[in-house]
Amino acid sequence: MTSIETINHFYQAIIDKNVAQICHSYVPSEETYVILEGPRYTTLGYEKIAKGWGDFCNSPLKLNKIEWVEGPFAEESTDMAWVGGMIILTVEVKGKEFSVQFRSTFVLRKSDSDIWQIKHEHVSAPLEDPYGIGDWLKK
């Protein structure tokens, strides 16, 4: 399975709320590091990441769809890969459905059983005007 296919399977496991498959997608290390899109900034360590996914799967939040709208782009070497792009999450909370766009990047490592697993994940959205000067990129 390619690194992109691995992430697409990971996204399907999230949609299915399959906590075992979600957790199996991560390198089981206390150095595995996730930067979240949610109210927490980061989670460090497999055990904390697994607990977070367990709590997510038991929450009223439901991801109905995860779509790549830019990418996914990827590069693989023998034992390390990255996957990145932009995604739209279609979310349902308390019967209300809405969509949110994020940047999404993964660094993957090859396991001893020759499967890609997530070592680092970063999902974020840009701030509208973090410095009060608008976009410095001129048209």
C-alpha atoms as a PDB file:
ATOM      1  CA  MET A   1       0.000   0.000   0.000  1.00  0.00           C
ATOM      2  CA  THR A   2       1.341   3.466  -0.852  1.00  0.00           C
ATOM      3  CA  SER A   3       1.599   6.263   1.685  1.00  0.00           C
ATOM      4  CA  ILE A   4      -1.392   8.040   0.059  1.00  0.00           C
ATOM      5  CA  GLU A   5      -3.483   4.859   0.196  1.00  0.00           C
ATOM      6  CA  THR A   6      -2.483   4.499   3.863  1.00  0.00           C
ATOM      7  CA  ILE A   7      -3.775   7.981   4.680  1.00  0.00           C
ATOM      8  CA  ASN A   8      -6.961   7.421   2.674  1.00  0.00           C
ATOM      9  CA  HIS A   9      -7.573   4.208   4.672  1.00  0.00           C
ATOM     10  CA  PHE A  10      -6.858   6.175   7.863  1.00  0.00           C
ATOM     11  CA  TYR A  11      -9.451   8.769   6.837  1.00  0.00           C
ATOM     12  CA  GLN A  12     -11.992   6.003   6.155  1.00  0.00           C
ATOM     13  CA  ALA A  13     -11.324   4.537   9.600  1.00  0.00           C
ATOM     14  CA  ILE A  14     -12.082   7.975  11.091  1.00  0.00           C
ATOM     15  CA  ILE A  15     -15.352   8.183   9.119  1.00  0.00           C
ATOM     16  CA  ASP A  16     -16.218   4.651  10.317  1.00  0.00           C
ATOM     17  CA  LYS A  17     -15.178   5.527  13.897  1.00  0.00           C
ATOM     18  CA  ASN A  18     -13.042   2.366  13.912  1.00  0.00           C
ATOM     19  CA  VAL A  19     -10.842   3.253  16.867  1.00  0.00           C
ATOM     20  CA  ALA A  20      -8.674   0.111  16.589  1.00  0.00           C
ATOM     21  CA  GLN A  21      -7.840   0.811  12.929  1.00  0.00           C
ATOM     22  CA  ILE A  22      -7.290   4.518  13.619  1.00  0.00           C
ATOM     23  CA  CYS A  23      -4.815   3.743  16.418  1.00  0.00           C
ATOM     24  CA  HIS A  24      -3.072   1.042  14.351  1.00  0.00           C
ATOM     25  CA  SER A  25      -2.318   3.816  11.816  1.00  0.00           C
ATOM     26  CA  TYR A  26       0.153   5.452  14.230  1.00  0.00           C
ATOM     27  CA  VAL A  27       3.697   4.480  15.180  1.00  0.00           C
ATOM     28  CA  PRO A  28       3.295   3.120  18.740  1.00  0.00           C
ATOM     29  CA  SER A  29       5.905   5.441  20.233  1.00  0.00           C
ATOM     30  CA  GLU A  30       5.831   8.064  22.930  1.00  0.00           C
ATOM     31  CA  GLU A  31       7.593  10.351  20.403  1.00  0.00           C
ATOM     32  CA  THR A  32       4.700  10.196  17.908  1.00  0.00           C
ATOM     33  CA  TYR A  33       3.466  13.787  17.635  1.00  0.00           C
ATOM     34  CA  VAL A  34       0.149  15.218  16.450  1.00  0.00           C
ATOM     35  CA  ILE A  35      -0.718  18.873  15.845  1.00  0.00           C
ATOM     36  CA  LEU A  36      -4.504  19.124  15.942  1.00  0.00           C
ATOM     37  CA  GLU A  37      -7.077  21.322  14.287  1.00  0.00           C
ATOM     38  CA  GLY A  38      -9.185  21.294  17.450  1.00  0.00           C
ATOM     39  CA  PRO A  39      -9.142  23.129  20.772  1.00  0.00           C
ATOM     40  CA  ARG A  40      -5.853  21.520  21.874  1.00  0.00           C
ATOM     41  CA  TYR A  41      -2.652  22.448  20.083  1.00  0.00           C
ATOM     42  CA  THR A  42      -0.768  19.149  20.232  1.00  0.00           C
ATOM     43  CA  THR A  43      -0.718  15.598  21.531  1.00  0.00           C
ATOM     44  CA  LEU A  44       2.596  13.854  22.196  1.00  0.00           C
ATOM     45  CA  GLY A  45       2.794  10.103  22.649  1.00  0.00           C
ATOM     46  CA  TYR A  46       0.925   7.123  21.299  1.00  0.00           C
ATOM     47  CA  GLU A  47      -1.033   6.416  24.502  1.00  0.00           C
ATOM     48  CA  LYS A  48      -2.413   9.977  24.629  1.00  0.00           C
ATOM     49  CA  ILE A  49      -3.171   9.916  20.880  1.00  0.00           C
ATOM     50  CA  ALA A  50      -5.024   6.594  21.270  1.00  0.00           C
ATOM     51  CA  LYS A  51      -7.032   7.957  24.223  1.00  0.00           C
ATOM     52  CA  GLY A  52      -7.958  11.031  22.168  1.00  0.00           C
ATOM     53  CA  TRP A  53      -9.228   8.892  19.300  1.00  0.00           C
ATOM     54  CA  GLY A  54     -11.188   6.700  21.708  1.00  0.00           C
ATOM     55  CA  ASP A  55     -12.846   9.794  23.147  1.00  0.00           C
ATOM     56  CA  PHE A  56     -13.504  11.135  19.627  1.00  0.00           C
ATOM     57  CA  CYS A  57     -15.166   7.872  18.584  1.00  0.00           C
ATOM     58  CA  ASN A  58     -17.437   8.109  21.641  1.00  0.00           C
ATOM     59  CA  SER A  59     -18.321  11.768  21.021  1.00  0.00           C
ATOM     60  CA  PRO A  60     -21.319  13.199  19.144  1.00  0.00           C
ATOM     61  CA  LEU A  61     -18.938  14.559  16.467  1.00  0.00           C
ATOM     62  CA  LYS A  62     -19.201  12.614  13.208  1.00  0.00           C
ATOM     63  CA  LEU A  63     -17.064  13.048  10.100  1.00  0.00           C
ATOM     64  CA  ASN A  64     -19.281  12.223   7.121  1.00  0.00           C
ATOM     65  CA  LYS A  65     -16.681  12.864   4.443  1.00  0.00           C
ATOM     66  CA  ILE A  66     -12.991  13.745   4.090  1.00  0.00           C
ATOM     67  CA  GLU A  67     -12.085  14.986   0.611  1.00  0.00           C
ATOM     68  CA  TRP A  68      -8.747  16.036  -0.846  1.00  0.00           C
ATOM     69  CA  VAL A  69      -9.221  19.368  -2.656  1.00  0.00           C
ATOM     70  CA  GLU A  70      -5.516  19.991  -3.292  1.00  0.00           C
ATOM     71  CA  GLY A  71      -3.277  16.970  -3.584  1.00  0.00           C
ATOM     72  CA  PRO A  72      -2.637  14.656  -2.008  1.00  0.00           C
ATOM     73  CA  PHE A  73       1.026  15.113  -2.736  1.00  0.00           C
ATOM     74  CA  ALA A  74       3.552  12.574  -1.497  1.00  0.00           C
ATOM     75  CA  GLU A  75       7.123  11.406  -1.589  1.00  0.00           C
ATOM     76  CA  GLU A  76       8.380   8.048  -0.379  1.00  0.00           C
ATOM     77  CA  SER A  77      11.809   6.659   0.399  1.00  0.00           C
ATOM     78  CA  THR A  78      12.676   3.221   1.738  1.00  0.00           C
ATOM     79  CA  ASP A  79      11.406   3.767   5.280  1.00  0.00           C
ATOM     80  CA  MET A  80       9.954   7.292   5.409  1.00  0.00           C
ATOM     81  CA  ALA A  81       7.293   9.209   3.483  1.00  0.00           C
ATOM     82  CA  TRP A  82       5.290  12.388   3.642  1.00  0.00           C
ATOM     83  CA  VAL A  83       1.744  13.069   2.425  1.00  0.00           C
ATOM     84  CA  GLY A  84       0.198  16.516   2.281  1.00  0.00           C
ATOM     85  CA  GLY A  85      -2.490  18.667   0.756  1.00  0.00           C
ATOM     86  CA  MET A  86      -5.735  20.396   1.559  1.00  0.00           C
ATOM     87  CA  ILE A  87      -8.848  18.614   2.736  1.00  0.00           C
ATOM     88  CA  ILE A  88     -12.475  19.462   3.342  1.00  0.00           C
ATOM     89  CA  LEU A  89     -14.089  17.747   6.298  1.00  0.00           C
ATOM     90  CA  THR A  90     -17.856  17.386   6.144  1.00  0.00           C
ATOM     91  CA  VAL A  91     -18.842  17.239   9.790  1.00  0.00           C
ATOM     92  CA  GLU A  92     -22.083  16.482  11.588  1.00  0.00           C
ATOM     93  CA  VAL A  93     -22.776  17.627  15.138  1.00  0.00           C
ATOM     94  CA  LYS A  94     -26.215  17.310  16.748  1.00  0.00           C
ATOM     95  CA  GLY A  95     -27.895  16.804  13.367  1.00  0.00           C
ATOM     96  CA  LYS A  96     -26.244  19.875  11.790  1.00  0.00           C
ATOM     97  CA  GLU A  97     -23.866  19.237   8.874  1.00  0.00           C
ATOM     98  CA  PHE A  98     -21.166  21.706   7.792  1.00  0.00           C
ATOM     99  CA  SER A  99     -17.790  21.706   6.017  1.00  0.00           C
ATOM    100  CA  VAL A 100     -14.394  22.992   7.110  1.00  0.00           C
ATOM    101  CA  GLN A 101     -11.199  23.240   5.038  1.00  0.00           C
ATOM    102  CA  PHE A 102      -7.780  22.359   6.479  1.00  0.00           C
ATOM    103  CA  ARG A 103      -4.158  21.874   5.537  1.00  0.00           C
ATOM    104  CA  SER A 104      -3.132  18.294   6.256  1.00  0.00           C
ATOM    105  CA  THR A 105       0.391  16.849   6.411  1.00  0.00           C
ATOM    106  CA  PHE A 106       1.671  13.454   7.546  1.00  0.00           C
ATOM    107  CA  VAL A 107       5.133  12.014   8.055  1.00  0.00           C
ATOM    108  CA  LEU A 108       5.050   8.215   7.901  1.00  0.00           C
ATOM    109  CA  ARG A 109       7.535   5.515   8.862  1.00  0.00           C
ATOM    110  CA  LYS A 110       7.697   1.930   7.617  1.00  0.00           C
ATOM    111  CA  SER A 111       6.963  -0.547  10.404  1.00  0.00           C
ATOM    112  CA  ASP A 112       8.789  -3.831  10.966  1.00  0.00           C
ATOM    113  CA  SER A 113       5.839  -5.513   9.223  1.00  0.00           C
ATOM    114  CA  ASP A 114       6.407  -3.262   6.173  1.00  0.00           C
ATOM    115  CA  ILE A 115       3.329  -1.008   6.546  1.00  0.00           C
ATOM    116  CA  TRP A 116       3.257   2.775   6.637  1.00  0.00           C
ATOM    117  CA  GLN A 117       2.349   4.289  10.008  1.00  0.00           C
ATOM    118  CA  ILE A 118       1.955   7.925  11.052  1.00  0.00           C
ATOM    119  CA  LYS A 119       4.873   9.348  13.044  1.00  0.00           C
ATOM    120  CA  HIS A 120       3.770  12.985  12.766  1.00  0.00           C
ATOM    121  CA  GLU A 121       0.450  14.542  11.768  1.00  0.00           C
ATOM    122  CA  HIS A 122      -0.351  18.230  11.335  1.00  0.00           C
ATOM    123  CA  VAL A 123      -3.863  19.466  10.560  1.00  0.00           C
ATOM    124  CA  SER A 124      -4.489  23.212  10.707  1.00  0.00           C
ATOM    125  CA  ALA A 125      -6.314  26.152   9.187  1.00  0.00           C
ATOM    126  CA  PRO A 126      -4.764  29.539   8.457  1.00  0.00           C
ATOM    127  CA  LEU A 127      -5.673  32.473  10.645  1.00  0.00           C
ATOM    128  CA  GLU A 128      -7.536  35.165   8.757  1.00  0.00           C
ATOM    129  CA  ASP A 129      -5.089  37.987   9.561  1.00  0.00           C
ATOM    130  CA  PRO A 130      -2.615  36.948  12.278  1.00  0.00           C
ATOM    131  CA  TYR A 131      -0.388  40.047  12.006  1.00  0.00           C
ATOM    132  CA  GLY A 132      -2.995  42.726  11.215  1.00  0.00           C
ATOM    133  CA  ILE A 133      -1.498  43.539   7.786  1.00  0.00           C
ATOM    134  CA  GLY A 134      -3.457  41.165   5.558  1.00  0.00           C
ATOM    135  CA  ASP A 135      -1.648  38.930   3.108  1.00  0.00           C
ATOM    136  CA  TRP A 136       1.872  40.172   2.369  1.00  0.00           C
ATOM    137  CA  LEU A 137       1.825  38.349  -0.984  1.00  0.00           C
ATOM    138  CA  LYS A 138       1.154  41.081  -3.548  1.00  0.00           C
ATOM    139  CA  LYS A 139      -1.053  40.488  -6.586  1.00  0.00           C
END
